[in-house]
Amino acid sequence: MPLYISNTSKNHQEINFRIPGNNRHFTAKIAPGRQELIYKEGTRDDHVSIVEQLKPYGLRSVDEIDRSKEFVGLCYQFDKPIPAEKLLPVFSHNDAVIMKEAQERRQEAAIAMDDALSRNAQETGAKFNGLEVGIEEQEQKGVDTKINEAIEVENPARGRGRRRRP
């Protein structure tokens, strides 16, 4: 009973596992966008054990990947290779998740900077009207990237500053 694991991330993945009753440590490397047959000589119980070991690290069943709202880095299927039609939408989904999380991290960083600057201004008696961060992607030859983002931190205690357009 074969076990196939697919790497739906853009990074090389190295999975590590043990087989019950065997003290040996096993490693499998999976390139981005590829899938590999894992532990070919194993039984169904061995493969179930591998899956259970990897689930805490984000391994998902191929039946779950279309319902996931989170990033899907690795997915698995027993008995037969995972069809490309199941995997292709995951790549777009992962890109959207990464972009959303990156925007959230930038907003959190702007809030933290605003707070630090506000405290510093309070301690020194300086005037601070808030923080506005602009992010603009530079055009690169052969790359179709369009990012133009402005983050403004509003603090009700200080009031709202004037918003500038990038």
C-alpha atoms as a PDB file:
ATOM      1  CA  MET A   1       0.000   0.000   0.000  1.00  0.00           C
ATOM      2  CA  PRO A   2       1.967   3.042  -1.218  1.00  0.00           C
ATOM      3  CA  LEU A   3       2.050   6.470   0.418  1.00  0.00           C
ATOM      4  CA  TYR A   4       2.513   9.552  -1.777  1.00  0.00           C
ATOM      5  CA  ILE A   5       3.452  12.913  -0.298  1.00  0.00           C
ATOM      6  CA  SER A   6       3.380  16.076  -2.400  1.00  0.00           C
ATOM      7  CA  ASN A   7       5.244  19.316  -1.736  1.00  0.00           C
ATOM      8  CA  THR A   8       2.903  22.219  -2.548  1.00  0.00           C
ATOM      9  CA  SER A   9       5.300  24.870  -1.275  1.00  0.00           C
ATOM     10  CA  LYS A  10       8.000  26.740  -3.184  1.00  0.00           C
ATOM     11  CA  ASN A  11      10.774  25.362  -0.973  1.00  0.00           C
ATOM     12  CA  HIS A  12      12.527  22.023  -0.867  1.00  0.00           C
ATOM     13  CA  GLN A  13      11.064  19.905   1.916  1.00  0.00           C
ATOM     14  CA  GLU A  14      12.854  17.272   3.916  1.00  0.00           C
ATOM     15  CA  ILE A  15      10.637  14.993   5.955  1.00  0.00           C
ATOM     16  CA  ASN A  16      11.943  12.856   8.793  1.00  0.00           C
ATOM     17  CA  PHE A  17      10.180   9.871  10.290  1.00  0.00           C
ATOM     18  CA  ARG A  18      10.596   6.612  12.176  1.00  0.00           C
ATOM     19  CA  ILE A  19       8.935   3.266  11.643  1.00  0.00           C
ATOM     20  CA  PRO A  20       7.433   1.458  14.664  1.00  0.00           C
ATOM     21  CA  GLY A  21       9.719  -1.355  15.812  1.00  0.00           C
ATOM     22  CA  ASN A  22      12.670   0.080  13.888  1.00  0.00           C
ATOM     23  CA  ASN A  23      15.199   2.351  15.603  1.00  0.00           C
ATOM     24  CA  ARG A  24      16.425   3.742  12.311  1.00  0.00           C
ATOM     25  CA  HIS A  25      15.692   7.340  11.317  1.00  0.00           C
ATOM     26  CA  PHE A  26      14.414   7.895   7.744  1.00  0.00           C
ATOM     27  CA  THR A  27      14.548  11.037   5.603  1.00  0.00           C
ATOM     28  CA  ALA A  28      12.834  11.836   2.320  1.00  0.00           C
ATOM     29  CA  LYS A  29      13.482  14.929   0.216  1.00  0.00           C
ATOM     30  CA  ILE A  30      10.706  16.403  -1.911  1.00  0.00           C
ATOM     31  CA  ALA A  31      11.338  19.184  -4.432  1.00  0.00           C
ATOM     32  CA  PRO A  32       8.832  22.056  -4.844  1.00  0.00           C
ATOM     33  CA  GLY A  33       5.795  21.023  -6.874  1.00  0.00           C
ATOM     34  CA  ARG A  34       6.799  17.345  -6.811  1.00  0.00           C
ATOM     35  CA  GLN A  35       5.492  14.268  -5.076  1.00  0.00           C
ATOM     36  CA  GLU A  36       7.360  11.236  -3.869  1.00  0.00           C
ATOM     37  CA  LEU A  37       6.534   7.658  -3.007  1.00  0.00           C
ATOM     38  CA  ILE A  38       7.493   7.401   0.677  1.00  0.00           C
ATOM     39  CA  TYR A  39       8.971   4.276   2.291  1.00  0.00           C
ATOM     40  CA  LYS A  40       8.142   1.918  -0.596  1.00  0.00           C
ATOM     41  CA  GLU A  41       8.709  -1.263   1.372  1.00  0.00           C
ATOM     42  CA  GLY A  42       6.344  -0.226   4.190  1.00  0.00           C
ATOM     43  CA  THR A  43       3.027  -1.696   5.220  1.00  0.00           C
ATOM     44  CA  ARG A  44      -0.219   0.225   5.597  1.00  0.00           C
ATOM     45  CA  ASP A  45       0.454   0.523   9.351  1.00  0.00           C
ATOM     46  CA  ASP A  46       3.928   1.943   8.637  1.00  0.00           C
ATOM     47  CA  HIS A  47       2.453   4.530   6.286  1.00  0.00           C
ATOM     48  CA  VAL A  48      -0.309   5.492   8.736  1.00  0.00           C
ATOM     49  CA  SER A  49       2.393   5.934  11.381  1.00  0.00           C
ATOM     50  CA  ILE A  50       4.380   8.232   9.051  1.00  0.00           C
ATOM     51  CA  VAL A  51       1.290  10.333   8.369  1.00  0.00           C
ATOM     52  CA  GLU A  52       0.515  10.632  12.094  1.00  0.00           C
ATOM     53  CA  GLN A  53       4.096  11.732  12.796  1.00  0.00           C
ATOM     54  CA  LEU A  54       3.928  14.462  10.121  1.00  0.00           C
ATOM     55  CA  LYS A  55       0.415  15.823  10.775  1.00  0.00           C
ATOM     56  CA  PRO A  56       1.561  18.110  13.623  1.00  0.00           C
ATOM     57  CA  TYR A  57       3.910  19.734  11.097  1.00  0.00           C
ATOM     58  CA  GLY A  58       1.161  20.560   8.610  1.00  0.00           C
ATOM     59  CA  LEU A  59       0.754  17.392   6.524  1.00  0.00           C
ATOM     60  CA  ARG A  60      -2.816  17.259   5.157  1.00  0.00           C
ATOM     61  CA  SER A  61      -4.837  14.638   3.356  1.00  0.00           C
ATOM     62  CA  VAL A  62      -5.424  15.434  -0.306  1.00  0.00           C
ATOM     63  CA  ASP A  63      -9.164  15.280   0.497  1.00  0.00           C
ATOM     64  CA  GLU A  64      -8.795  18.247   2.883  1.00  0.00           C
ATOM     65  CA  ILE A  65      -6.665  20.628   0.828  1.00  0.00           C
ATOM     66  CA  ASP A  66      -9.503  22.249  -1.114  1.00  0.00           C
ATOM     67  CA  ARG A  67     -11.237  23.217   2.168  1.00  0.00           C
ATOM     68  CA  SER A  68      -8.161  24.598   3.911  1.00  0.00           C
ATOM     69  CA  LYS A  69      -7.968  28.289   4.688  1.00  0.00           C
ATOM     70  CA  GLU A  70      -4.350  27.944   5.870  1.00  0.00           C
ATOM     71  CA  PHE A  71      -1.124  27.419   3.955  1.00  0.00           C
ATOM     72  CA  VAL A  72      -0.779  23.836   2.696  1.00  0.00           C
ATOM     73  CA  GLY A  73       2.866  22.786   2.450  1.00  0.00           C
ATOM     74  CA  LEU A  74       2.575  19.009   2.227  1.00  0.00           C
ATOM     75  CA  CYS A  75      -0.308  16.724   1.393  1.00  0.00           C
ATOM     76  CA  TYR A  76      -0.619  12.956   1.125  1.00  0.00           C
ATOM     77  CA  GLN A  77      -2.662  10.210  -0.447  1.00  0.00           C
ATOM     78  CA  PHE A  78      -2.541   6.458  -0.011  1.00  0.00           C
ATOM     79  CA  ASP A  79      -2.437   3.930  -2.852  1.00  0.00           C
ATOM     80  CA  LYS A  80      -2.061   6.199  -5.920  1.00  0.00           C
ATOM     81  CA  PRO A  81      -0.283   9.395  -6.982  1.00  0.00           C
ATOM     82  CA  ILE A  82      -2.040  12.694  -6.333  1.00  0.00           C
ATOM     83  CA  PRO A  83      -3.549  14.069  -9.560  1.00  0.00           C
ATOM     84  CA  ALA A  84      -2.246  17.430 -10.776  1.00  0.00           C
ATOM     85  CA  GLU A  85      -5.833  18.779 -10.934  1.00  0.00           C
ATOM     86  CA  LYS A  86      -5.997  18.496  -7.155  1.00  0.00           C
ATOM     87  CA  LEU A  87      -2.645  20.209  -6.624  1.00  0.00           C
ATOM     88  CA  LEU A  88      -2.765  23.155  -9.045  1.00  0.00           C
ATOM     89  CA  PRO A  89      -5.360  25.203  -7.096  1.00  0.00           C
ATOM     90  CA  VAL A  90      -3.283  24.774  -3.921  1.00  0.00           C
ATOM     91  CA  PHE A  91      -0.378  26.750  -5.412  1.00  0.00           C
ATOM     92  CA  SER A  92      -2.630  29.783  -6.048  1.00  0.00           C
ATOM     93  CA  HIS A  93      -4.233  29.380  -2.618  1.00  0.00           C
ATOM     94  CA  ASN A  94      -0.809  29.306  -0.938  1.00  0.00           C
ATOM     95  CA  ASP A  95       0.277  32.486  -2.753  1.00  0.00           C
ATOM     96  CA  ALA A  96      -2.871  34.281  -1.541  1.00  0.00           C
ATOM     97  CA  VAL A  97      -2.341  33.081   2.049  1.00  0.00           C
ATOM     98  CA  ILE A  98       1.289  34.232   2.018  1.00  0.00           C
ATOM     99  CA  MET A  99       0.357  37.669   0.647  1.00  0.00           C
ATOM    100  CA  LYS A 100      -2.374  38.129   3.284  1.00  0.00           C
ATOM    101  CA  GLU A 101      -0.082  37.047   6.125  1.00  0.00           C
ATOM    102  CA  ALA A 102       2.686  39.349   4.874  1.00  0.00           C
ATOM    103  CA  GLN A 103       0.289  42.297   4.867  1.00  0.00           C
ATOM    104  CA  GLU A 104      -0.798  41.446   8.425  1.00  0.00           C
ATOM    105  CA  ARG A 105       2.858  41.298   9.575  1.00  0.00           C
ATOM    106  CA  ARG A 106       3.548  44.691   7.978  1.00  0.00           C
ATOM    107  CA  GLN A 107       0.529  46.175   9.759  1.00  0.00           C
ATOM    108  CA  GLU A 108       1.647  44.685  13.074  1.00  0.00           C
ATOM    109  CA  ALA A 109       5.148  46.085  12.545  1.00  0.00           C
ATOM    110  CA  ALA A 110       3.724  49.541  11.786  1.00  0.00           C
ATOM    111  CA  ILE A 111       1.602  49.449  14.953  1.00  0.00           C
ATOM    112  CA  ALA A 112       4.632  48.418  17.031  1.00  0.00           C
ATOM    113  CA  MET A 113       6.758  51.207  15.507  1.00  0.00           C
ATOM    114  CA  ASP A 114       3.976  53.735  16.110  1.00  0.00           C
ATOM    115  CA  ASP A 115       3.709  52.655  19.733  1.00  0.00           C
ATOM    116  CA  ALA A 116       7.488  52.844  20.288  1.00  0.00           C
ATOM    117  CA  LEU A 117       7.721  56.282  18.651  1.00  0.00           C
ATOM    118  CA  SER A 118       4.723  57.525  20.618  1.00  0.00           C
ATOM    119  CA  ARG A 119       6.226  56.391  23.929  1.00  0.00           C
ATOM    120  CA  ASN A 120       9.565  57.929  23.010  1.00  0.00           C
ATOM    121  CA  ALA A 121       7.893  61.229  22.090  1.00  0.00           C
ATOM    122  CA  GLN A 122       5.988  61.204  25.385  1.00  0.00           C
ATOM    123  CA  GLU A 123       9.172  60.598  27.374  1.00  0.00           C
ATOM    124  CA  THR A 124      11.099  63.356  25.594  1.00  0.00           C
ATOM    125  CA  GLY A 125       8.246  65.836  25.345  1.00  0.00           C
ATOM    126  CA  ALA A 126       8.338  65.809  21.540  1.00  0.00           C
ATOM    127  CA  LYS A 127       5.251  66.001  19.352  1.00  0.00           C
ATOM    128  CA  PHE A 128       4.250  62.870  17.441  1.00  0.00           C
ATOM    129  CA  ASN A 129       1.194  62.786  15.178  1.00  0.00           C
ATOM    130  CA  GLY A 130       1.240  59.168  14.096  1.00  0.00           C
ATOM    131  CA  LEU A 131       2.974  56.911  11.662  1.00  0.00           C
ATOM    132  CA  GLU A 132       2.304  56.264   8.016  1.00  0.00           C
ATOM    133  CA  VAL A 133       4.220  53.600   6.123  1.00  0.00           C
ATOM    134  CA  GLY A 134       4.239  53.296   2.358  1.00  0.00           C
ATOM    135  CA  ILE A 135       5.400  50.270   0.411  1.00  0.00           C
ATOM    136  CA  GLU A 136       5.926  50.472  -3.302  1.00  0.00           C
ATOM    137  CA  GLU A 137       7.384  47.744  -5.505  1.00  0.00           C
ATOM    138  CA  GLN A 138       9.962  48.832  -8.027  1.00  0.00           C
ATOM    139  CA  GLU A 139       9.413  47.606 -11.572  1.00  0.00           C
ATOM    140  CA  GLN A 140      11.685  44.794 -12.602  1.00  0.00           C
ATOM    141  CA  LYS A 141      12.328  43.697 -16.139  1.00  0.00           C
ATOM    142  CA  GLY A 142      10.410  40.520 -16.979  1.00  0.00           C
ATOM    143  CA  VAL A 143       8.437  40.507 -13.701  1.00  0.00           C
ATOM    144  CA  ASP A 144       4.760  41.412 -13.522  1.00  0.00           C
ATOM    145  CA  THR A 145       4.566  42.665  -9.923  1.00  0.00           C
ATOM    146  CA  LYS A 146       2.194  45.386  -8.808  1.00  0.00           C
ATOM    147  CA  ILE A 147       2.397  46.366  -5.153  1.00  0.00           C
ATOM    148  CA  ASN A 148       1.380  49.773  -3.923  1.00  0.00           C
ATOM    149  CA  GLU A 149       0.373  49.727  -0.281  1.00  0.00           C
ATOM    150  CA  ALA A 150      -0.014  52.385   2.382  1.00  0.00           C
ATOM    151  CA  ILE A 151      -0.425  51.571   6.074  1.00  0.00           C
ATOM    152  CA  GLU A 152      -1.638  54.267   8.418  1.00  0.00           C
ATOM    153  CA  VAL A 153      -1.806  53.737  12.154  1.00  0.00           C
ATOM    154  CA  GLU A 154      -4.676  55.583  13.745  1.00  0.00           C
ATOM    155  CA  ASN A 155      -4.657  56.173  17.455  1.00  0.00           C
ATOM    156  CA  PRO A 156      -7.971  57.567  18.764  1.00  0.00           C
ATOM    157  CA  ALA A 157      -6.190  59.188  21.707  1.00  0.00           C
ATOM    158  CA  ARG A 158      -4.019  61.283  19.373  1.00  0.00           C
ATOM    159  CA  GLY A 159      -6.555  61.913  16.648  1.00  0.00           C
ATOM    160  CA  ARG A 160      -6.049  61.296  12.981  1.00  0.00           C
ATOM    161  CA  GLY A 161      -3.253  62.870  11.021  1.00  0.00           C
ATOM    162  CA  ARG A 162      -3.407  63.954   7.407  1.00  0.00           C
ATOM    163  CA  ARG A 163      -3.315  61.011   5.005  1.00  0.00           C
ATOM    164  CA  ARG A 164      -0.975  61.300   2.065  1.00  0.00           C
ATOM    165  CA  ARG A 165      -1.327  59.294  -1.123  1.00  0.00           C
ATOM    166  CA  PRO A 166       1.771  57.417  -2.346  1.00  0.00           C
END
